[in-house]
Every structure is written in C-alpha cells, then in structure tokens.
Amino acid sequence: MKHSSLQIIREEHSSLAAMLQSLRMMLRRGPGADQQQYFDVLGAMLFYIDEFPEKLHHTKETTLLFPRVLQASPAMRETIERLDHDHHKSEAGVRELRHLLTAWELLGESRRKIFEEYCNRYLDAYLEHMKLEEQVILPEAEKCLSPADWKELDAAFAENIDPLNGKYARDPVYDKLYSRIVSTAPAPIGLGQA
C-alpha cells in the first residue's frame, strides 16, 4: 500500500535537495559582476530553507512521524535521536548562515571564506540527514506503522504545500519568493542571465 505522506516527504526532500544543490552551485560560481543579485538570490534561498523545511517539514517529522516509528520500533531510538538533534541544529544553522551571508555582504570579502566553509558543511550535513531518513526511517515506518498511524500522517503531511514544488498550485504568499529565486538565479540554476 502506498502512503501519501511518504510520497510527500520524498517530494519535499527532492525539492529541498535541488535547492541545496543550487545553493552549492551559486557558491562555486561566486558573486561575479552583479554582487547584489548574488546576495539577493542566496538570501532568498536561505529564507526558503528557514521558512518551509525548518518550520513545517521538520516539525511534522519530529512531532508526528518519529514518535510513531520509535513506539513501534524501539531499535530506532538512536537514529531518531540523531535526526531530532539534526533538526534542532539545522534550524540554528540556517539562521547562522543568514547572519554570515549578511556579514559578507555588508563587511566585505574578509567574511566570504567563513560563509562558504560553514555553508558547505551545512549542505553536506543536510543532504546526509535526508539520506538517513529515506534509507532508514521511511522503510522502517512502512514496515511497522498501523493503518491508523498512516491515516493521521497522510492527513497531516497533505497540508504541506512546498512553495517551490511544481506539483502544487503556488501559494500566493510565496509567489514573490518563488519568482525571486527562479527569475534572478543565473542559468542553469534559474532563469536569470548566466
């Protein structure tokens, strides 16, 4: 049986992974001639990460999915504790990244290296975190959760509308964010000038 919550989680992970990889591509490109556009795009990307995955996606995993998996499969305790710790650390991490980006933008090149190093560590950790969820927690959930668990999870995750996922009608609240990222990020990341 297919559970819509698992599909939604995987789709959200896919959207987020694309955003994280785009962020890494932006880092590799560097600011180029239009520094303001560069900082605007990076700032919008970090805002998206803080706004959607950190506040909505992770919260539902931590409060709904993980406790059910832990109750049904106590052997998952260490993995779930690690993932919960990652969620807490990631929320603080994206805010630190936003601070470091502002420092680089306002205080200049002397702040670039610390932003880039912190950002690369953050991206690596985030991608590893999603991999662990998909390879360990989601398969375990499929094996051990009850139909009642799935009914509640499916309903809760169905409320998520990722503003950057093309499968759903765009939320007008996030339209400006979506447009800013896609239209100003340089090709091939977005539709802006290469």
N, C-alpha and C. Protein backbone atom coordinates (compact mmCIF):
# COMPACT_ATOMS: atom_id res chain seq x y z
N MET A 1 0.84 -1.18 0.00
CA MET A 1 0.00 0.00 0.00
C MET A 1 0.89 1.25 0.00
N LYS A 2 0.51 2.20 -0.81
CA LYS A 2 1.25 3.47 -0.88
C LYS A 2 0.63 4.46 0.10
N HIS A 3 1.48 5.16 0.80
CA HIS A 3 1.03 6.15 1.77
C HIS A 3 1.41 7.53 1.25
N SER A 4 0.44 8.42 1.15
CA SER A 4 0.69 9.73 0.57
C SER A 4 1.71 10.53 1.38
N SER A 5 1.76 10.32 2.69
CA SER A 5 2.74 11.06 3.50
C SER A 5 4.17 10.71 3.10
N LEU A 6 4.42 9.45 2.79
CA LEU A 6 5.77 9.06 2.36
C LEU A 6 6.12 9.72 1.03
N GLN A 7 5.16 9.76 0.12
CA GLN A 7 5.40 10.41 -1.17
C GLN A 7 5.66 11.90 -0.97
N ILE A 8 4.88 12.54 -0.10
CA ILE A 8 5.06 13.97 0.16
C ILE A 8 6.43 14.24 0.77
N ILE A 9 6.82 13.42 1.75
CA ILE A 9 8.14 13.58 2.39
C ILE A 9 9.23 13.46 1.33
N ARG A 10 9.14 12.46 0.48
CA ARG A 10 10.17 12.26 -0.55
C ARG A 10 10.18 13.42 -1.56
N GLU A 11 9.00 13.91 -1.93
CA GLU A 11 8.94 15.05 -2.85
C GLU A 11 9.53 16.30 -2.21
N GLU A 12 9.22 16.51 -0.93
CA GLU A 12 9.79 17.67 -0.24
C GLU A 12 11.29 17.55 -0.13
N HIS A 13 11.78 16.34 0.14
CA HIS A 13 13.22 16.11 0.17
C HIS A 13 13.83 16.41 -1.19
N SER A 14 13.16 15.99 -2.25
CA SER A 14 13.67 16.22 -3.61
C SER A 14 13.75 17.72 -3.92
N SER A 15 12.70 18.46 -3.56
CA SER A 15 12.71 19.92 -3.77
C SER A 15 13.82 20.58 -2.97
N LEU A 16 13.94 20.15 -1.73
CA LEU A 16 14.96 20.73 -0.86
C LEU A 16 16.36 20.38 -1.36
N ALA A 17 16.56 19.12 -1.78
CA ALA A 17 17.88 18.73 -2.30
C ALA A 17 18.23 19.57 -3.53
N ALA A 18 17.25 19.84 -4.38
CA ALA A 18 17.51 20.69 -5.56
C ALA A 18 17.91 22.10 -5.12
N MET A 19 17.24 22.61 -4.10
CA MET A 19 17.58 23.95 -3.59
C MET A 19 18.99 23.94 -3.00
N LEU A 20 19.31 22.90 -2.23
CA LEU A 20 20.64 22.82 -1.61
C LEU A 20 21.73 22.72 -2.68
N GLN A 21 21.48 21.92 -3.72
CA GLN A 21 22.47 21.79 -4.80
C GLN A 21 22.60 23.10 -5.58
N SER A 22 21.49 23.81 -5.75
CA SER A 22 21.54 25.12 -6.41
C SER A 22 22.35 26.10 -5.58
N LEU A 23 22.16 26.05 -4.29
CA LEU A 23 22.93 26.90 -3.38
C LEU A 23 24.42 26.60 -3.51
N ARG A 24 24.76 25.32 -3.59
CA ARG A 24 26.17 24.93 -3.77
C ARG A 24 26.71 25.43 -5.11
N MET A 25 25.89 25.34 -6.14
CA MET A 25 26.31 25.84 -7.46
C MET A 25 26.55 27.35 -7.41
N MET A 26 25.68 28.06 -6.69
CA MET A 26 25.86 29.51 -6.54
C MET A 26 27.19 29.80 -5.83
N LEU A 27 27.50 29.03 -4.81
CA LEU A 27 28.78 29.21 -4.09
C LEU A 27 29.95 29.04 -5.03
N ARG A 28 29.89 27.99 -5.84
CA ARG A 28 31.00 27.71 -6.77
C ARG A 28 31.17 28.82 -7.80
N ARG A 29 30.05 29.38 -8.25
CA ARG A 29 30.10 30.47 -9.23
C ARG A 29 30.68 31.73 -8.64
N GLY A 30 30.32 32.01 -7.41
CA GLY A 30 30.74 33.26 -6.79
C GLY A 30 29.88 34.42 -7.26
N PRO A 31 30.11 35.59 -6.68
CA PRO A 31 29.25 36.74 -6.95
C PRO A 31 29.32 37.29 -8.37
N GLY A 32 30.44 37.16 -9.03
CA GLY A 32 30.56 37.72 -10.36
C GLY A 32 30.39 39.23 -10.36
N ALA A 33 29.92 39.76 -11.49
CA ALA A 33 29.82 41.21 -11.65
C ALA A 33 28.65 41.81 -10.88
N ASP A 34 27.55 41.04 -10.74
CA ASP A 34 26.36 41.58 -10.07
C ASP A 34 26.26 41.02 -8.66
N GLN A 35 27.01 41.63 -7.76
CA GLN A 35 27.04 41.14 -6.38
C GLN A 35 25.69 41.25 -5.69
N GLN A 36 24.94 42.31 -5.97
CA GLN A 36 23.65 42.48 -5.30
C GLN A 36 22.71 41.35 -5.68
N GLN A 37 22.69 40.98 -6.96
CA GLN A 37 21.85 39.87 -7.40
C GLN A 37 22.27 38.58 -6.69
N TYR A 38 23.55 38.36 -6.59
CA TYR A 38 24.09 37.16 -5.93
C TYR A 38 23.61 37.08 -4.49
N PHE A 39 23.78 38.15 -3.74
CA PHE A 39 23.36 38.15 -2.33
C PHE A 39 21.84 38.04 -2.21
N ASP A 40 21.10 38.65 -3.12
CA ASP A 40 19.65 38.53 -3.10
C ASP A 40 19.20 37.09 -3.30
N VAL A 41 19.79 36.42 -4.28
CA VAL A 41 19.42 35.03 -4.57
C VAL A 41 19.79 34.13 -3.39
N LEU A 42 21.02 34.25 -2.89
CA LEU A 42 21.40 33.41 -1.75
C LEU A 42 20.51 33.69 -0.54
N GLY A 43 20.21 34.94 -0.30
CA GLY A 43 19.34 35.29 0.82
C GLY A 43 17.95 34.69 0.66
N ALA A 44 17.40 34.72 -0.55
CA ALA A 44 16.08 34.14 -0.80
C ALA A 44 16.11 32.62 -0.62
N MET A 45 17.19 31.98 -1.06
CA MET A 45 17.32 30.53 -0.89
C MET A 45 17.37 30.16 0.60
N LEU A 46 18.14 30.89 1.35
CA LEU A 46 18.23 30.61 2.79
C LEU A 46 16.92 30.90 3.49
N PHE A 47 16.21 31.93 3.06
CA PHE A 47 14.91 32.23 3.63
C PHE A 47 13.95 31.07 3.38
N TYR A 48 13.95 30.54 2.14
CA TYR A 48 13.10 29.38 1.82
C TYR A 48 13.41 28.21 2.76
N ILE A 49 14.69 27.90 2.94
CA ILE A 49 15.07 26.79 3.80
C ILE A 49 14.58 27.02 5.22
N ASP A 50 14.71 28.23 5.71
CA ASP A 50 14.26 28.56 7.05
C ASP A 50 12.73 28.55 7.14
N GLU A 51 12.07 29.01 6.12
CA GLU A 51 10.62 29.18 6.14
C GLU A 51 9.85 27.88 5.97
N PHE A 52 10.25 27.04 5.03
CA PHE A 52 9.46 25.84 4.77
C PHE A 52 10.00 24.58 5.45
N PRO A 53 11.16 24.08 5.06
CA PRO A 53 11.60 22.82 5.67
C PRO A 53 11.79 22.92 7.18
N GLU A 54 12.39 24.00 7.63
CA GLU A 54 12.68 24.10 9.07
C GLU A 54 11.42 24.25 9.91
N LYS A 55 10.47 25.03 9.45
CA LYS A 55 9.30 25.34 10.28
C LYS A 55 8.15 24.36 10.09
N LEU A 56 8.04 23.74 8.93
CA LEU A 56 6.89 22.89 8.66
C LEU A 56 7.27 21.43 8.49
N HIS A 57 8.14 21.15 7.56
CA HIS A 57 8.52 19.77 7.25
C HIS A 57 9.16 19.09 8.46
N HIS A 58 10.19 19.68 9.03
CA HIS A 58 10.87 19.06 10.17
C HIS A 58 9.97 18.91 11.38
N THR A 59 9.13 19.91 11.61
CA THR A 59 8.23 19.85 12.76
C THR A 59 7.32 18.64 12.68
N LYS A 60 6.80 18.37 11.51
CA LYS A 60 5.90 17.21 11.37
C LYS A 60 6.66 15.89 11.48
N GLU A 61 7.87 15.84 10.98
CA GLU A 61 8.66 14.62 11.16
C GLU A 61 8.91 14.39 12.65
N THR A 62 9.34 15.44 13.35
CA THR A 62 9.71 15.32 14.76
C THR A 62 8.51 15.03 15.66
N THR A 63 7.38 15.68 15.40
CA THR A 63 6.25 15.52 16.31
C THR A 63 5.29 14.41 15.92
N LEU A 64 5.27 14.01 14.65
CA LEU A 64 4.30 13.01 14.21
C LEU A 64 4.94 11.69 13.76
N LEU A 65 5.88 11.78 12.84
CA LEU A 65 6.46 10.55 12.27
C LEU A 65 7.39 9.84 13.24
N PHE A 66 8.38 10.56 13.74
CA PHE A 66 9.41 9.91 14.56
C PHE A 66 8.84 9.24 15.82
N PRO A 67 7.94 9.89 16.57
CA PRO A 67 7.42 9.22 17.77
C PRO A 67 6.68 7.91 17.45
N ARG A 68 5.97 7.89 16.34
CA ARG A 68 5.26 6.66 15.97
C ARG A 68 6.24 5.55 15.60
N VAL A 69 7.26 5.91 14.85
CA VAL A 69 8.26 4.90 14.48
C VAL A 69 8.97 4.40 15.74
N LEU A 70 9.32 5.29 16.62
CA LEU A 70 10.00 4.90 17.86
C LEU A 70 9.13 3.98 18.70
N GLN A 71 7.84 4.30 18.81
CA GLN A 71 6.95 3.47 19.62
C GLN A 71 6.83 2.07 19.02
N ALA A 72 6.74 1.98 17.70
CA ALA A 72 6.58 0.69 17.03
C ALA A 72 7.90 -0.06 16.88
N SER A 73 9.01 0.67 16.87
CA SER A 73 10.32 0.06 16.63
C SER A 73 11.36 0.72 17.53
N PRO A 74 11.42 0.32 18.81
CA PRO A 74 12.36 0.95 19.76
C PRO A 74 13.83 0.87 19.34
N ALA A 75 14.17 -0.05 18.46
CA ALA A 75 15.55 -0.17 17.98
C ALA A 75 15.98 1.07 17.19
N MET A 76 15.02 1.89 16.79
CA MET A 76 15.31 3.10 16.01
C MET A 76 15.66 4.30 16.90
N ARG A 77 15.69 4.11 18.21
CA ARG A 77 15.88 5.22 19.13
C ARG A 77 17.12 6.07 18.79
N GLU A 78 18.26 5.45 18.62
CA GLU A 78 19.49 6.20 18.38
C GLU A 78 19.41 7.01 17.08
N THR A 79 18.86 6.40 16.05
CA THR A 79 18.73 7.09 14.76
C THR A 79 17.77 8.26 14.88
N ILE A 80 16.65 8.05 15.53
CA ILE A 80 15.65 9.12 15.70
C ILE A 80 16.20 10.25 16.55
N GLU A 81 16.93 9.91 17.60
CA GLU A 81 17.54 10.96 18.42
C GLU A 81 18.53 11.78 17.60
N ARG A 82 19.29 11.11 16.76
CA ARG A 82 20.24 11.83 15.90
C ARG A 82 19.49 12.76 14.94
N LEU A 83 18.41 12.25 14.33
CA LEU A 83 17.65 13.06 13.38
C LEU A 83 16.98 14.25 14.06
N ASP A 84 16.43 14.02 15.25
CA ASP A 84 15.84 15.14 16.01
C ASP A 84 16.90 16.18 16.36
N HIS A 85 18.06 15.71 16.75
CA HIS A 85 19.17 16.63 17.04
C HIS A 85 19.55 17.42 15.78
N ASP A 86 19.59 16.73 14.64
CA ASP A 86 19.87 17.39 13.37
C ASP A 86 18.85 18.49 13.08
N HIS A 87 17.57 18.19 13.33
CA HIS A 87 16.53 19.19 13.09
C HIS A 87 16.77 20.44 13.92
N HIS A 88 17.07 20.24 15.18
CA HIS A 88 17.31 21.37 16.07
C HIS A 88 18.55 22.16 15.60
N LYS A 89 19.60 21.43 15.29
CA LYS A 89 20.85 22.05 14.86
C LYS A 89 20.69 22.75 13.51
N SER A 90 19.91 22.17 12.61
CA SER A 90 19.72 22.74 11.28
C SER A 90 18.97 24.06 11.34
N GLU A 91 18.00 24.16 12.22
CA GLU A 91 17.26 25.42 12.36
C GLU A 91 18.20 26.55 12.79
N ALA A 92 19.04 26.26 13.77
CA ALA A 92 20.02 27.27 14.20
C ALA A 92 21.05 27.51 13.09
N GLY A 93 21.39 26.47 12.35
CA GLY A 93 22.40 26.56 11.30
C GLY A 93 21.99 27.47 10.16
N VAL A 94 20.73 27.39 9.73
CA VAL A 94 20.30 28.24 8.61
C VAL A 94 20.24 29.70 9.06
N ARG A 95 19.92 29.93 10.30
CA ARG A 95 19.90 31.32 10.78
C ARG A 95 21.32 31.86 10.89
N GLU A 96 22.25 31.01 11.29
CA GLU A 96 23.66 31.42 11.32
C GLU A 96 24.15 31.71 9.90
N LEU A 97 23.74 30.90 8.95
CA LEU A 97 24.12 31.14 7.55
C LEU A 97 23.59 32.48 7.07
N ARG A 98 22.36 32.81 7.41
CA ARG A 98 21.80 34.09 7.00
C ARG A 98 22.61 35.24 7.62
N HIS A 99 23.02 35.06 8.86
CA HIS A 99 23.84 36.08 9.52
C HIS A 99 25.20 36.20 8.82
N LEU A 100 25.83 35.06 8.54
CA LEU A 100 27.14 35.08 7.89
C LEU A 100 27.07 35.67 6.48
N LEU A 101 25.96 35.41 5.77
CA LEU A 101 25.78 36.00 4.45
C LEU A 101 25.66 37.52 4.55
N THR A 102 24.90 37.99 5.51
CA THR A 102 24.76 39.44 5.71
C THR A 102 26.11 40.06 6.06
N ALA A 103 26.87 39.37 6.90
CA ALA A 103 28.20 39.87 7.27
C ALA A 103 29.09 39.99 6.04
N TRP A 104 29.07 38.99 5.17
CA TRP A 104 29.87 39.03 3.95
C TRP A 104 29.41 40.18 3.06
N GLU A 105 28.08 40.31 2.89
CA GLU A 105 27.55 41.36 2.03
C GLU A 105 27.91 42.75 2.54
N LEU A 106 27.79 42.98 3.84
CA LEU A 106 27.98 44.31 4.40
C LEU A 106 29.41 44.63 4.78
N LEU A 107 30.17 43.60 5.17
CA LEU A 107 31.52 43.84 5.67
C LEU A 107 32.61 43.44 4.66
N GLY A 108 32.20 42.79 3.59
CA GLY A 108 33.14 42.55 2.50
C GLY A 108 33.80 41.19 2.46
N GLU A 109 34.74 41.11 1.56
CA GLU A 109 35.41 39.87 1.17
C GLU A 109 36.06 39.13 2.34
N SER A 110 36.45 39.83 3.38
CA SER A 110 37.08 39.16 4.53
C SER A 110 36.13 38.19 5.21
N ARG A 111 34.83 38.30 4.95
CA ARG A 111 33.84 37.40 5.57
C ARG A 111 33.37 36.28 4.63
N ARG A 112 33.89 36.27 3.41
CA ARG A 112 33.44 35.29 2.42
C ARG A 112 33.81 33.86 2.80
N LYS A 113 35.05 33.64 3.17
CA LYS A 113 35.53 32.27 3.41
C LYS A 113 34.75 31.59 4.53
N ILE A 114 34.49 32.28 5.62
CA ILE A 114 33.77 31.66 6.72
C ILE A 114 32.34 31.30 6.30
N PHE A 115 31.71 32.17 5.49
CA PHE A 115 30.38 31.83 4.98
C PHE A 115 30.44 30.58 4.12
N GLU A 116 31.36 30.54 3.17
CA GLU A 116 31.44 29.41 2.25
C GLU A 116 31.74 28.10 2.98
N GLU A 117 32.67 28.14 3.94
CA GLU A 117 33.00 26.92 4.68
C GLU A 117 31.82 26.43 5.50
N TYR A 118 31.16 27.34 6.21
CA TYR A 118 30.01 26.98 7.03
C TYR A 118 28.88 26.46 6.14
N CYS A 119 28.67 27.12 5.01
CA CYS A 119 27.61 26.73 4.10
C CYS A 119 27.85 25.33 3.53
N ASN A 120 29.05 25.03 3.13
CA ASN A 120 29.35 23.69 2.60
C ASN A 120 29.16 22.61 3.65
N ARG A 121 29.56 22.87 4.88
CA ARG A 121 29.33 21.89 5.96
C ARG A 121 27.82 21.70 6.19
N TYR A 122 27.09 22.81 6.18
CA TYR A 122 25.64 22.76 6.38
C TYR A 122 24.98 21.93 5.27
N LEU A 123 25.35 22.19 4.02
CA LEU A 123 24.78 21.47 2.89
C LEU A 123 25.09 19.97 2.97
N ASP A 124 26.33 19.62 3.27
CA ASP A 124 26.70 18.21 3.40
C ASP A 124 25.89 17.52 4.49
N ALA A 125 25.76 18.17 5.64
CA ALA A 125 25.02 17.58 6.76
C ALA A 125 23.55 17.43 6.41
N TYR A 126 22.97 18.41 5.74
CA TYR A 126 21.56 18.37 5.40
C TYR A 126 21.27 17.22 4.43
N LEU A 127 22.10 17.08 3.41
CA LEU A 127 21.91 16.01 2.43
C LEU A 127 22.08 14.64 3.08
N GLU A 128 23.04 14.51 3.98
CA GLU A 128 23.23 13.25 4.70
C GLU A 128 22.03 12.95 5.59
N HIS A 129 21.49 13.96 6.22
CA HIS A 129 20.31 13.82 7.08
C HIS A 129 19.13 13.26 6.28
N MET A 130 18.85 13.83 5.12
CA MET A 130 17.73 13.36 4.31
C MET A 130 17.95 11.93 3.82
N LYS A 131 19.18 11.61 3.50
CA LYS A 131 19.53 10.26 3.07
C LYS A 131 19.23 9.25 4.18
N LEU A 132 19.59 9.58 5.42
CA LEU A 132 19.33 8.70 6.56
C LEU A 132 17.83 8.52 6.77
N GLU A 133 17.08 9.60 6.65
CA GLU A 133 15.62 9.48 6.80
C GLU A 133 15.06 8.54 5.73
N GLU A 134 15.49 8.73 4.48
CA GLU A 134 14.93 7.95 3.39
C GLU A 134 15.38 6.49 3.38
N GLN A 135 16.60 6.25 3.82
CA GLN A 135 17.12 4.88 3.76
C GLN A 135 16.83 4.06 5.01
N VAL A 136 16.56 4.74 6.14
CA VAL A 136 16.35 4.00 7.38
C VAL A 136 14.94 4.22 7.95
N ILE A 137 14.57 5.47 8.19
CA ILE A 137 13.31 5.75 8.88
C ILE A 137 12.09 5.45 8.02
N LEU A 138 12.08 5.92 6.79
CA LEU A 138 10.89 5.70 5.96
C LEU A 138 10.63 4.22 5.68
N PRO A 139 11.66 3.42 5.35
CA PRO A 139 11.39 1.98 5.19
C PRO A 139 10.91 1.32 6.50
N GLU A 140 11.46 1.75 7.63
CA GLU A 140 11.02 1.20 8.91
C GLU A 140 9.57 1.59 9.18
N ALA A 141 9.21 2.81 8.86
CA ALA A 141 7.82 3.26 9.03
C ALA A 141 6.88 2.40 8.18
N GLU A 142 7.28 2.13 6.95
CA GLU A 142 6.44 1.29 6.09
C GLU A 142 6.21 -0.09 6.67
N LYS A 143 7.22 -0.61 7.36
CA LYS A 143 7.11 -1.95 7.94
C LYS A 143 6.27 -1.98 9.22
N CYS A 144 6.36 -0.93 10.03
CA CYS A 144 5.84 -1.08 11.39
C CYS A 144 4.64 -0.22 11.77
N LEU A 145 4.28 0.76 10.99
CA LEU A 145 3.18 1.63 11.41
C LEU A 145 1.81 1.04 11.05
N SER A 146 0.83 1.39 11.85
CA SER A 146 -0.52 0.86 11.69
C SER A 146 -1.32 1.69 10.69
N PRO A 147 -2.43 1.14 10.21
CA PRO A 147 -3.31 1.93 9.33
C PRO A 147 -3.77 3.24 9.99
N ALA A 148 -4.03 3.23 11.29
CA ALA A 148 -4.43 4.46 11.99
C ALA A 148 -3.30 5.49 11.97
N ASP A 149 -2.06 5.01 12.17
CA ASP A 149 -0.90 5.91 12.09
C ASP A 149 -0.84 6.56 10.72
N TRP A 150 -0.97 5.74 9.68
CA TRP A 150 -0.86 6.26 8.31
C TRP A 150 -1.98 7.24 7.99
N LYS A 151 -3.16 6.98 8.49
CA LYS A 151 -4.28 7.89 8.24
C LYS A 151 -3.96 9.28 8.80
N GLU A 152 -3.45 9.31 10.02
CA GLU A 152 -3.11 10.61 10.63
C GLU A 152 -1.92 11.27 9.94
N LEU A 153 -0.89 10.50 9.64
CA LEU A 153 0.29 11.06 8.95
C LEU A 153 -0.07 11.59 7.56
N ASP A 154 -0.85 10.79 6.82
CA ASP A 154 -1.24 11.23 5.47
C ASP A 154 -2.01 12.54 5.52
N ALA A 155 -2.93 12.66 6.47
CA ALA A 155 -3.71 13.90 6.61
C ALA A 155 -2.83 15.08 6.98
N ALA A 156 -1.91 14.87 7.91
CA ALA A 156 -1.04 15.97 8.36
C ALA A 156 -0.09 16.43 7.26
N PHE A 157 0.55 15.51 6.58
CA PHE A 157 1.51 15.90 5.54
C PHE A 157 0.81 16.43 4.29
N ALA A 158 -0.46 16.07 4.09
CA ALA A 158 -1.21 16.60 2.94
C ALA A 158 -1.40 18.11 3.06
N GLU A 159 -1.30 18.64 4.26
CA GLU A 159 -1.46 20.08 4.48
C GLU A 159 -0.21 20.86 4.03
N ASN A 160 0.92 20.18 3.87
CA ASN A 160 2.15 20.84 3.43
C ASN A 160 2.02 21.22 1.96
N ILE A 161 2.32 22.45 1.66
CA ILE A 161 2.39 22.87 0.25
C ILE A 161 3.73 23.57 0.09
N ASP A 162 4.69 22.81 -0.41
CA ASP A 162 6.03 23.33 -0.62
C ASP A 162 5.97 24.42 -1.69
N PRO A 163 6.37 25.65 -1.35
CA PRO A 163 6.23 26.75 -2.30
C PRO A 163 7.07 26.59 -3.57
N LEU A 164 8.06 25.72 -3.56
CA LEU A 164 8.90 25.57 -4.75
C LEU A 164 8.67 24.26 -5.49
N ASN A 165 7.73 23.44 -5.01
CA ASN A 165 7.46 22.18 -5.67
C ASN A 165 6.45 22.43 -6.77
N GLY A 166 6.77 22.09 -7.98
CA GLY A 166 5.90 22.35 -9.12
C GLY A 166 4.65 21.51 -9.16
N LYS A 167 4.47 20.57 -8.23
CA LYS A 167 3.30 19.70 -8.26
C LYS A 167 2.04 20.35 -7.69
N TYR A 168 2.21 21.43 -6.96
CA TYR A 168 1.07 22.06 -6.31
C TYR A 168 0.89 23.46 -6.87
N ALA A 169 -0.35 23.95 -6.78
CA ALA A 169 -0.58 25.34 -7.14
C ALA A 169 0.26 26.21 -6.22
N ARG A 170 0.92 27.19 -6.79
CA ARG A 170 1.77 28.04 -5.97
C ARG A 170 0.93 28.85 -5.00
N ASP A 171 1.39 28.93 -3.80
CA ASP A 171 0.74 29.71 -2.75
C ASP A 171 1.06 31.18 -3.02
N PRO A 172 0.03 32.03 -3.15
CA PRO A 172 0.29 33.45 -3.44
C PRO A 172 1.21 34.12 -2.42
N VAL A 173 1.18 33.62 -1.18
CA VAL A 173 2.04 34.18 -0.15
C VAL A 173 3.51 33.99 -0.52
N TYR A 174 3.81 32.86 -1.17
CA TYR A 174 5.20 32.55 -1.51
C TYR A 174 5.56 32.88 -2.95
N ASP A 175 4.61 33.42 -3.71
CA ASP A 175 4.87 33.73 -5.11
C ASP A 175 6.09 34.63 -5.30
N LYS A 176 6.21 35.65 -4.47
CA LYS A 176 7.34 36.59 -4.60
C LYS A 176 8.66 35.87 -4.35
N LEU A 177 8.69 34.98 -3.35
CA LEU A 177 9.90 34.21 -3.06
C LEU A 177 10.25 33.31 -4.24
N TYR A 178 9.26 32.58 -4.73
CA TYR A 178 9.48 31.68 -5.85
C TYR A 178 10.02 32.46 -7.06
N SER A 179 9.35 33.55 -7.38
CA SER A 179 9.76 34.36 -8.53
C SER A 179 11.17 34.92 -8.36
N ARG A 180 11.48 35.36 -7.17
CA ARG A 180 12.80 35.95 -6.92
C ARG A 180 13.91 34.92 -7.14
N ILE A 181 13.71 33.73 -6.61
CA ILE A 181 14.74 32.70 -6.75
C ILE A 181 14.88 32.27 -8.20
N VAL A 182 13.77 31.91 -8.82
CA VAL A 182 13.82 31.36 -10.17
C VAL A 182 14.21 32.40 -11.21
N SER A 183 13.68 33.60 -11.08
CA SER A 183 13.94 34.58 -12.14
C SER A 183 15.29 35.28 -12.00
N THR A 184 15.85 35.31 -10.80
CA THR A 184 17.12 36.04 -10.65
C THR A 184 18.34 35.14 -10.54
N ALA A 185 18.16 33.89 -10.14
CA ALA A 185 19.31 32.98 -10.11
C ALA A 185 19.83 32.78 -11.52
N PRO A 186 21.13 32.87 -11.73
CA PRO A 186 21.66 32.72 -13.09
C PRO A 186 21.48 31.31 -13.62
N ALA A 187 21.34 31.21 -14.94
CA ALA A 187 21.26 29.90 -15.60
C ALA A 187 22.57 29.15 -15.35
N PRO A 188 22.55 27.88 -15.17
CA PRO A 188 21.43 26.95 -15.26
C PRO A 188 20.66 26.78 -13.95
N ILE A 189 20.98 27.53 -12.92
CA ILE A 189 20.29 27.40 -11.64
C ILE A 189 18.87 27.92 -11.74
N GLY A 190 18.72 29.08 -12.38
CA GLY A 190 17.42 29.70 -12.56
C GLY A 190 17.31 30.24 -13.97
N LEU A 191 16.46 31.25 -14.14
CA LEU A 191 16.22 31.81 -15.46
C LEU A 191 16.97 33.12 -15.71
N GLY A 192 17.72 33.58 -14.71
CA GLY A 192 18.48 34.82 -14.86
C GLY A 192 19.64 34.67 -15.82
N GLN A 193 20.30 35.77 -16.09
CA GLN A 193 21.43 35.75 -17.02
C GLN A 193 22.58 34.94 -16.44
N ALA A 194 23.21 34.16 -17.30
CA ALA A 194 24.33 33.31 -16.87
C ALA A 194 25.53 34.16 -16.50
